[in-house]
Amino acid sequence: MSMKLYVVGFGSGSFGSMTKECVEAIEKSEVIIGYTVYAELMKNFFPNKIFLTTPMKREKERVILAFDEASKGKTAALICSGDSGIYGMAGLVYELSARYPDVEIEIVPGVTAAISGAALVGAPLTHDFAVISLSDLLTAWEKIEKRLRCASMADFTIVLYNPSSKKRADYLKKACDIMLEYKTGDTVCAAAKNIGRIDEQVEIMTLEKLRDTAVDMFTTVFVGNSETKVINGKMVTPRGYRNV
């Protein structure tokens, strides 16, 4: 009896952003488990599959549901946006896996927003960079603030996930104020919204302007390092190759 659980990163939500491995894993699965919004996206591409969902903030129940389905002898897929191991469900799956020793787990990577967004805005991540989520749902703001300070002080290019929401409307502004202690106001930045979807939007701007820019949870923000520049309207961080 097969007891297989795929943990699948499906990218931005467009079929083109899915890897071949992602598509094959979902096609092999009898049941798909995911956050309600993600399940609705995947139904467009896999309409004949059985979908089981849980709402936001019910991640543990979602993982248990996926394990339970796999334990019945089904091949199941737990879907995540972007990559399943970057702010995804892969970690929680392993944390709960001891309860389900007979279930085989396979992590299927996907294209995270830092990568797909970087391709849209130019080439901002060709040198060392840090990825920081501004969501304080699972991480205390004091720790987020420390990470912002350390990354800014070290002159990393910084990618910000979950930069703002209705309850955290001023978090990007707060983050920019911290970064402005170590980065100049004319530091090149970019915001990529709805990556890979019909209403995709990209804007290149300075850190000073970013501070007062309205963004949402569907936006990924890029903050350059001291070498980042605008080339042909794109955000580019030089790698430092000689004789260029």
Protein backbone atom coordinates (compact mmCIF):
# COMPACT_ATOMS: atom_id res chain seq x y z
CA MET A 1 0.00 0.00 0.00
CA SER A 2 1.42 3.37 -1.04
CA MET A 3 1.73 5.98 1.70
CA LYS A 4 3.30 8.94 -0.10
CA LEU A 5 3.14 12.63 0.75
CA TYR A 6 4.56 15.17 -1.65
CA VAL A 7 5.18 18.65 -0.24
CA VAL A 8 5.00 20.76 -3.38
CA GLY A 9 6.04 24.34 -4.10
CA PHE A 10 4.02 25.54 -7.09
CA GLY A 11 5.67 28.91 -7.67
CA SER A 12 3.71 32.12 -8.19
CA GLY A 13 0.44 30.50 -9.20
CA SER A 14 0.70 30.54 -12.98
CA PHE A 15 1.14 27.25 -14.79
CA GLY A 16 4.31 28.56 -16.42
CA SER A 17 5.96 29.11 -13.03
CA MET A 18 5.54 25.47 -12.03
CA THR A 19 8.48 23.15 -12.45
CA LYS A 20 8.05 19.90 -14.38
CA GLU A 21 8.66 18.06 -11.11
CA CYS A 22 5.84 20.02 -9.44
CA VAL A 23 3.35 19.19 -12.19
CA GLU A 24 4.29 15.52 -12.16
CA ALA A 25 3.91 15.27 -8.37
CA ILE A 26 0.44 16.80 -8.44
CA GLU A 27 -0.59 14.62 -11.37
CA LYS A 28 0.53 11.50 -9.48
CA SER A 29 -1.43 12.52 -6.38
CA GLU A 30 -4.98 11.39 -5.71
CA VAL A 31 -5.76 14.18 -3.28
CA ILE A 32 -4.44 17.73 -3.00
CA ILE A 33 -4.35 19.52 0.37
CA GLY A 34 -3.75 23.23 0.75
CA TYR A 35 -4.69 26.69 1.94
CA THR A 36 -8.07 27.64 0.46
CA VAL A 37 -6.73 30.37 -1.86
CA TYR A 38 -3.97 28.11 -3.19
CA ALA A 39 -6.40 25.26 -3.80
CA GLU A 40 -8.60 27.54 -5.91
CA LEU A 41 -5.56 28.47 -8.01
CA MET A 42 -4.60 24.85 -8.59
CA LYS A 43 -8.15 23.81 -9.49
CA ASN A 44 -7.73 25.83 -12.67
CA PHE A 45 -4.95 23.48 -13.79
CA PHE A 46 -5.96 20.21 -12.15
CA PRO A 47 -9.79 20.28 -12.18
CA ASN A 48 -10.22 16.52 -11.82
CA LYS A 49 -8.35 16.22 -8.54
CA ILE A 50 -9.88 15.98 -5.07
CA PHE A 51 -9.04 19.10 -3.05
CA LEU A 52 -9.13 19.40 0.75
CA THR A 53 -8.51 22.80 2.35
CA THR A 54 -8.01 24.65 5.60
CA PRO A 55 -8.08 28.45 6.07
CA MET A 56 -5.21 30.72 7.06
CA LYS A 57 -3.68 30.10 10.50
CA ARG A 58 -4.70 26.42 10.36
CA GLU A 59 -1.36 25.15 9.10
CA LYS A 60 -0.97 22.37 11.67
CA GLU A 61 -4.43 20.98 10.88
CA ARG A 62 -3.56 21.15 7.19
CA VAL A 63 -0.41 19.08 7.63
CA ILE A 64 -2.22 16.53 9.80
CA LEU A 65 -4.95 16.31 7.17
CA ALA A 66 -2.33 15.61 4.51
CA PHE A 67 -0.68 12.91 6.62
CA ASP A 68 -4.05 11.33 7.40
CA GLU A 69 -4.87 11.10 3.68
CA ALA A 70 -1.50 9.55 2.92
CA SER A 71 -1.95 7.12 5.82
CA LYS A 72 -5.08 5.79 4.11
CA GLY A 73 -2.88 4.51 1.31
CA LYS A 74 -3.39 7.48 -0.97
CA THR A 75 -0.72 9.49 -2.72
CA ALA A 76 -1.23 13.03 -1.39
CA ALA A 77 0.21 16.43 -2.24
CA LEU A 78 0.42 19.29 0.24
CA ILE A 79 0.74 22.43 -1.88
CA CYS A 80 2.58 25.64 -1.01
CA SER A 81 3.09 28.84 -2.97
CA GLY A 82 6.63 29.59 -4.05
CA ASP A 83 8.97 26.98 -2.58
CA SER A 84 7.73 24.50 0.02
CA GLY A 85 10.87 24.96 2.14
CA ILE A 86 11.07 28.78 2.06
CA TYR A 87 8.39 30.09 4.42
CA GLY A 88 6.50 26.95 3.37
CA MET A 89 5.14 23.82 5.01
CA ALA A 90 8.11 21.47 4.60
CA GLY A 91 9.51 22.18 8.06
CA LEU A 92 6.20 21.58 9.84
CA VAL A 93 5.74 18.36 7.86
CA TYR A 94 9.01 17.02 9.23
CA GLU A 95 8.21 18.28 12.73
CA LEU A 96 5.01 16.20 12.75
CA SER A 97 6.36 13.26 10.77
CA ALA A 98 7.22 11.14 13.83
CA ARG A 99 3.49 10.50 14.27
CA TYR A 100 3.37 8.98 10.79
CA PRO A 101 6.49 6.78 10.47
CA ASP A 102 5.08 4.78 7.54
CA VAL A 103 4.43 7.80 5.32
CA GLU A 104 7.13 8.52 2.75
CA ILE A 105 7.82 12.25 2.40
CA GLU A 106 9.17 13.88 -0.74
CA ILE A 107 9.86 17.62 -0.87
CA VAL A 108 9.32 19.15 -4.30
CA PRO A 109 11.01 22.56 -4.67
CA GLY A 110 9.39 25.50 -6.38
CA VAL A 111 10.36 28.96 -7.57
CA THR A 112 10.13 31.32 -4.60
CA ALA A 113 9.14 34.99 -4.99
CA ALA A 114 12.69 36.18 -4.35
CA ILE A 115 13.76 34.44 -7.55
CA SER A 116 10.74 35.10 -9.77
CA GLY A 117 10.50 38.69 -8.53
CA ALA A 118 14.21 39.27 -9.07
CA ALA A 119 13.85 38.21 -12.70
CA LEU A 120 11.10 40.79 -13.15
CA VAL A 121 12.94 43.73 -11.61
CA GLY A 122 16.32 42.94 -13.18
CA ALA A 123 19.24 41.21 -11.48
CA PRO A 124 19.27 42.41 -7.85
CA LEU A 125 20.56 39.22 -6.21
CA THR A 126 23.82 38.56 -8.03
CA HIS A 127 25.74 39.19 -4.81
CA ASP A 128 25.15 38.21 -1.17
CA PHE A 129 21.59 38.83 0.00
CA ALA A 130 19.24 38.24 2.91
CA VAL A 131 15.55 37.28 2.87
CA ILE A 132 13.45 38.60 5.75
CA SER A 133 9.72 38.31 6.40
CA LEU A 134 8.08 41.31 8.05
CA SER A 135 5.22 39.18 9.37
CA ASP A 136 5.31 39.05 13.16
CA LEU A 137 2.67 36.33 13.36
CA LEU A 138 5.31 33.70 14.22
CA THR A 139 8.36 35.91 14.84
CA ALA A 140 8.58 38.73 17.38
CA TRP A 141 9.04 42.18 15.85
CA GLU A 142 12.11 42.73 18.04
CA LYS A 143 13.81 39.80 16.30
CA ILE A 144 12.74 41.03 12.86
CA GLU A 145 14.13 44.48 13.69
CA LYS A 146 17.46 42.95 14.76
CA ARG A 147 17.68 41.00 11.50
CA LEU A 148 16.94 44.13 9.48
CA ARG A 149 19.65 46.04 11.32
CA CYS A 150 22.25 43.30 10.92
CA ALA A 151 21.51 42.75 7.22
CA SER A 152 21.60 46.50 6.56
CA MET A 153 24.78 46.99 8.53
CA ALA A 154 26.42 44.16 6.53
CA ASP A 155 25.36 45.84 3.25
CA PHE A 156 23.32 42.89 2.02
CA THR A 157 20.75 43.27 -0.69
CA ILE A 158 17.53 42.53 1.22
CA VAL A 159 14.38 40.80 0.02
CA LEU A 160 11.28 41.50 2.11
CA TYR A 161 8.42 39.01 2.20
CA ASN A 162 5.01 39.86 3.71
CA PRO A 163 5.87 43.58 3.77
CA SER A 164 2.44 44.83 4.80
CA SER A 165 -1.14 43.86 5.59
CA LYS A 166 -4.28 45.52 6.93
CA LYS A 167 -3.13 44.89 10.50
CA ARG A 168 0.51 45.78 9.70
CA ALA A 169 -0.02 48.79 7.45
CA ASP A 170 3.06 50.65 8.72
CA TYR A 171 5.52 47.75 8.91
CA LEU A 172 7.29 48.53 5.64
CA LYS A 173 7.72 52.14 6.74
CA LYS A 174 9.16 50.94 10.05
CA ALA A 175 11.51 48.59 8.23
CA CYS A 176 12.65 51.35 5.88
CA ASP A 177 13.37 53.64 8.83
CA ILE A 178 15.62 50.95 10.28
CA MET A 179 17.39 50.33 6.96
CA LEU A 180 17.85 54.09 6.41
CA GLU A 181 20.08 54.15 9.48
CA TYR A 182 22.63 52.15 7.45
CA LYS A 183 21.65 52.67 3.79
CA THR A 184 21.33 55.96 1.91
CA GLY A 185 17.99 57.34 0.83
CA ASP A 186 18.89 56.92 -2.85
CA THR A 187 19.53 53.17 -2.46
CA VAL A 188 17.91 51.42 -5.43
CA CYS A 189 14.81 49.40 -4.53
CA ALA A 190 11.99 47.63 -6.31
CA ALA A 191 8.53 46.28 -5.58
CA ALA A 192 7.08 43.34 -7.52
CA LYS A 193 3.35 42.73 -7.04
CA ASN A 194 1.25 39.75 -8.14
CA ILE A 195 4.27 38.00 -9.62
CA GLY A 196 3.34 35.71 -12.50
CA ARG A 197 -0.31 36.72 -12.53
CA ILE A 198 -2.44 38.78 -14.90
CA ASP A 199 -2.18 42.02 -12.89
CA GLU A 200 1.57 41.78 -12.36
CA GLN A 201 3.20 45.12 -11.46
CA VAL A 202 6.82 46.23 -11.06
CA GLU A 203 8.20 49.56 -9.85
CA ILE A 204 11.81 50.67 -9.43
CA MET A 205 12.34 53.39 -6.82
CA THR A 206 14.65 54.72 -4.11
CA LEU A 207 14.61 53.60 -0.50
CA GLU A 208 13.32 57.03 0.46
CA LYS A 209 10.35 56.61 -1.86
CA LEU A 210 9.81 52.99 -0.82
CA ARG A 211 9.29 54.21 2.74
CA ASP A 212 6.04 55.90 1.70
CA THR A 213 4.90 53.32 -0.87
CA ALA A 214 1.74 51.31 -0.22
CA VAL A 215 2.26 47.56 -0.65
CA ASP A 216 0.39 44.41 0.33
CA MET A 217 0.94 40.73 1.10
CA PHE A 218 1.17 39.96 -2.63
CA THR A 219 4.19 42.25 -3.01
CA THR A 220 7.83 41.25 -2.74
CA VAL A 221 10.23 44.11 -1.98
CA PHE A 222 13.89 44.33 -3.01
CA VAL A 223 16.30 46.73 -1.28
CA GLY A 224 19.69 47.08 -2.92
CA ASN A 225 23.15 47.22 -1.41
CA SER A 226 25.56 50.15 -1.78
CA GLU A 227 26.60 48.96 -5.26
CA THR A 228 23.12 48.37 -6.70
CA LYS A 229 22.25 50.58 -9.66
CA VAL A 230 19.62 51.11 -12.34
CA ILE A 231 20.64 49.86 -15.80
CA ASN A 232 18.18 50.21 -18.69
CA GLY A 233 15.37 50.68 -16.22
CA LYS A 234 16.25 47.53 -14.28
CA MET A 235 17.59 47.01 -10.74
CA VAL A 236 21.05 45.46 -10.97
CA THR A 237 23.52 44.51 -8.24
CA PRO A 238 26.99 43.99 -9.77
CA ARG A 239 28.78 40.77 -8.87
CA GLY A 240 32.15 42.50 -9.09
CA TYR A 241 33.61 40.84 -12.17
CA ARG A 242 36.85 42.49 -13.23
CA ASN A 243 37.38 44.30 -16.53
CA VAL A 244 33.65 44.77 -17.20
